[in-house]
């Protein structure tokens, strides 16, 4: 699974197909999301708790997320392994392999 970290957001979202694949079920409620240009998006979302762990195992915690059909609209994940050689400050960063789906979940 690939994630998009947005420090400006006060809520964490995950695509509902990811949550369903984990076997997590919860009732949905209507939520309103404030997006760019003062626009509001209304959707039905479940609120669930999921566990996350870093690839190296140093971080292992639970977070609360709301579900969405495609929270990032099919945004593609950046394959940092392929482009890190273009930036000297990234050349020694041990980036993980890109998730198979290649989209932000």
C-alpha atoms as a PDB file:
ATOM      1  CA  UNK A   1       0.000   0.000   0.000  1.00  0.00           C
ATOM      2  CA  UNK A   2       1.298   3.475  -0.849  1.00  0.00           C
ATOM      3  CA  UNK A   3       0.438   6.482   1.295  1.00  0.00           C
ATOM      4  CA  UNK A   4       0.365  10.232   0.785  1.00  0.00           C
ATOM      5  CA  UNK A   5       1.430  12.155   3.884  1.00  0.00           C
ATOM      6  CA  UNK A   6      -0.400  15.482   4.164  1.00  0.00           C
ATOM      7  CA  UNK A   7       0.576  17.495   7.218  1.00  0.00           C
ATOM      8  CA  UNK A   8      -2.201  19.973   6.427  1.00  0.00           C
ATOM      9  CA  UNK A   9      -4.942  17.372   6.921  1.00  0.00           C
ATOM     10  CA  UNK A  10      -6.610  16.756  10.268  1.00  0.00           C
ATOM     11  CA  UNK A  11      -8.129  13.422   9.200  1.00  0.00           C
ATOM     12  CA  UNK A  12      -6.575  10.256   7.790  1.00  0.00           C
ATOM     13  CA  UNK A  13      -8.296   8.455   4.901  1.00  0.00           C
ATOM     14  CA  UNK A  14      -7.809   5.055   3.272  1.00  0.00           C
ATOM     15  CA  UNK A  15      -9.401   3.633   0.146  1.00  0.00           C
ATOM     16  CA  UNK A  16     -12.310   1.392   1.109  1.00  0.00           C
ATOM     17  CA  UNK A  17     -11.018  -1.529  -1.001  1.00  0.00           C
ATOM     18  CA  UNK A  18      -7.867  -1.635   1.173  1.00  0.00           C
ATOM     19  CA  UNK A  19      -9.942  -1.703   4.362  1.00  0.00           C
ATOM     20  CA  UNK A  20     -12.242  -4.389   2.912  1.00  0.00           C
ATOM     21  CA  UNK A  21      -9.196  -6.471   1.895  1.00  0.00           C
ATOM     22  CA  UNK A  22      -8.111  -6.352   5.553  1.00  0.00           C
ATOM     23  CA  UNK A  23     -11.510  -7.802   6.518  1.00  0.00           C
ATOM     24  CA  UNK A  24     -12.538  -4.722   8.495  1.00  0.00           C
ATOM     25  CA  UNK A  25     -16.216  -3.784   8.460  1.00  0.00           C
ATOM     26  CA  UNK A  26     -17.876  -0.766  10.071  1.00  0.00           C
ATOM     27  CA  UNK A  27     -21.047   1.280   9.560  1.00  0.00           C
ATOM     28  CA  UNK A  28     -20.838   4.326   7.314  1.00  0.00           C
ATOM     29  CA  UNK A  29     -21.883   7.873   8.101  1.00  0.00           C
ATOM     30  CA  UNK A  30     -21.975  11.029   6.021  1.00  0.00           C
ATOM     31  CA  UNK A  31     -18.835  13.166   6.301  1.00  0.00           C
ATOM     32  CA  UNK A  32     -17.873  16.481   4.749  1.00  0.00           C
ATOM     33  CA  UNK A  33     -14.327  17.098   3.553  1.00  0.00           C
ATOM     34  CA  UNK A  34     -13.015  20.615   3.047  1.00  0.00           C
ATOM     35  CA  UNK A  35     -10.770  20.621  -0.017  1.00  0.00           C
ATOM     36  CA  UNK A  36      -8.931  23.254  -2.064  1.00  0.00           C
ATOM     37  CA  UNK A  37     -10.551  26.560  -2.969  1.00  0.00           C
ATOM     38  CA  UNK A  38     -13.032  26.345  -0.061  1.00  0.00           C
ATOM     39  CA  UNK A  39     -14.929  23.523  -1.756  1.00  0.00           C
ATOM     40  CA  UNK A  40     -16.655  20.818   0.245  1.00  0.00           C
ATOM     41  CA  UNK A  41     -17.003  17.157  -0.698  1.00  0.00           C
ATOM     42  CA  UNK A  42     -19.716  15.008   0.907  1.00  0.00           C
ATOM     43  CA  UNK A  43     -19.310  11.246   1.104  1.00  0.00           C
ATOM     44  CA  UNK A  44     -20.291   8.182   3.081  1.00  0.00           C
ATOM     45  CA  UNK A  45     -17.382   6.860   5.140  1.00  0.00           C
ATOM     46  CA  UNK A  46     -16.716   4.297   7.836  1.00  0.00           C
ATOM     47  CA  UNK A  47     -14.349   5.087  10.710  1.00  0.00           C
ATOM     48  CA  UNK A  48     -11.979   2.216  11.533  1.00  0.00           C
ATOM     49  CA  UNK A  49      -8.761   1.529  13.409  1.00  0.00           C
ATOM     50  CA  UNK A  50      -5.908  -0.099  11.496  1.00  0.00           C
ATOM     51  CA  UNK A  51      -2.430  -1.173  12.432  1.00  0.00           C
ATOM     52  CA  UNK A  52       0.555   0.154  10.518  1.00  0.00           C
ATOM     53  CA  UNK A  53       4.177  -0.924  10.664  1.00  0.00           C
ATOM     54  CA  UNK A  54       7.280   0.456   8.980  1.00  0.00           C
ATOM     55  CA  UNK A  55       9.199  -1.844   6.660  1.00  0.00           C
ATOM     56  CA  UNK A  56      12.103  -1.999   9.122  1.00  0.00           C
ATOM     57  CA  UNK A  57       9.748  -2.785  12.032  1.00  0.00           C
ATOM     58  CA  UNK A  58      10.869   0.222  14.085  1.00  0.00           C
ATOM     59  CA  UNK A  59       7.400   1.774  13.979  1.00  0.00           C
ATOM     60  CA  UNK A  60       4.368  -0.322  14.908  1.00  0.00           C
ATOM     61  CA  UNK A  61       1.213   1.533  15.871  1.00  0.00           C
ATOM     62  CA  UNK A  62      -2.513   1.903  15.230  1.00  0.00           C
ATOM     63  CA  UNK A  63      -4.261   4.798  13.529  1.00  0.00           C
ATOM     64  CA  UNK A  64      -7.890   5.768  12.996  1.00  0.00           C
ATOM     65  CA  UNK A  65      -8.915   6.253   9.361  1.00  0.00           C
ATOM     66  CA  UNK A  66     -12.050   7.094   7.441  1.00  0.00           C
ATOM     67  CA  UNK A  67     -12.800   5.158   4.267  1.00  0.00           C
ATOM     68  CA  UNK A  68     -13.232   6.623   0.807  1.00  0.00           C
ATOM     69  CA  UNK A  69     -13.772   5.297  -2.729  1.00  0.00           C
ATOM     70  CA  UNK A  70     -10.591   6.900  -4.114  1.00  0.00           C
ATOM     71  CA  UNK A  71      -9.348   9.506  -1.700  1.00  0.00           C
ATOM     72  CA  UNK A  72      -6.473  10.565  -3.980  1.00  0.00           C
ATOM     73  CA  UNK A  73      -8.398  10.120  -7.231  1.00  0.00           C
ATOM     74  CA  UNK A  74      -6.036   7.519  -8.647  1.00  0.00           C
ATOM     75  CA  UNK A  75      -2.888   9.574  -7.936  1.00  0.00           C
ATOM     76  CA  UNK A  76       0.209   7.564  -8.854  1.00  0.00           C
ATOM     77  CA  UNK A  77       2.876   6.865  -6.262  1.00  0.00           C
ATOM     78  CA  UNK A  78       6.395   8.158  -6.927  1.00  0.00           C
ATOM     79  CA  UNK A  79       8.989   5.446  -7.454  1.00  0.00           C
ATOM     80  CA  UNK A  80      11.832   7.092  -5.541  1.00  0.00           C
ATOM     81  CA  UNK A  81      14.196   4.179  -6.201  1.00  0.00           C
ATOM     82  CA  UNK A  82      14.112   4.961  -9.926  1.00  0.00           C
ATOM     83  CA  UNK A  83      14.740   8.714  -9.582  1.00  0.00           C
ATOM     84  CA  UNK A  84      16.843   9.119  -6.436  1.00  0.00           C
ATOM     85  CA  UNK A  85      20.071   9.203  -8.502  1.00  0.00           C
ATOM     86  CA  UNK A  86      18.902  12.563  -9.896  1.00  0.00           C
ATOM     87  CA  UNK A  87      19.294  14.236  -6.491  1.00  0.00           C
ATOM     88  CA  UNK A  88      22.542  14.046  -4.518  1.00  0.00           C
ATOM     89  CA  UNK A  89      20.752  14.388  -1.173  1.00  0.00           C
ATOM     90  CA  UNK A  90      18.601  11.302  -1.918  1.00  0.00           C
ATOM     91  CA  UNK A  91      21.247   8.955  -3.346  1.00  0.00           C
ATOM     92  CA  UNK A  92      21.917   7.145  -0.039  1.00  0.00           C
ATOM     93  CA  UNK A  93      18.318   6.979   1.214  1.00  0.00           C
ATOM     94  CA  UNK A  94      17.165   3.324   1.471  1.00  0.00           C
ATOM     95  CA  UNK A  95      13.768   3.815  -0.181  1.00  0.00           C
ATOM     96  CA  UNK A  96      11.435   0.794  -0.099  1.00  0.00           C
ATOM     97  CA  UNK A  97      10.241  -0.891  -3.272  1.00  0.00           C
ATOM     98  CA  UNK A  98       7.072   0.642  -4.717  1.00  0.00           C
ATOM     99  CA  UNK A  99       3.829  -1.194  -3.858  1.00  0.00           C
ATOM    100  CA  UNK A 100       2.437  -3.341  -6.682  1.00  0.00           C
ATOM    101  CA  UNK A 101      -0.677  -1.245  -7.317  1.00  0.00           C
ATOM    102  CA  UNK A 102       1.399   1.900  -7.805  1.00  0.00           C
ATOM    103  CA  UNK A 103      -1.410   4.211  -6.680  1.00  0.00           C
ATOM    104  CA  UNK A 104      -2.029   6.115  -3.443  1.00  0.00           C
ATOM    105  CA  UNK A 105      -4.396   4.131  -1.216  1.00  0.00           C
END
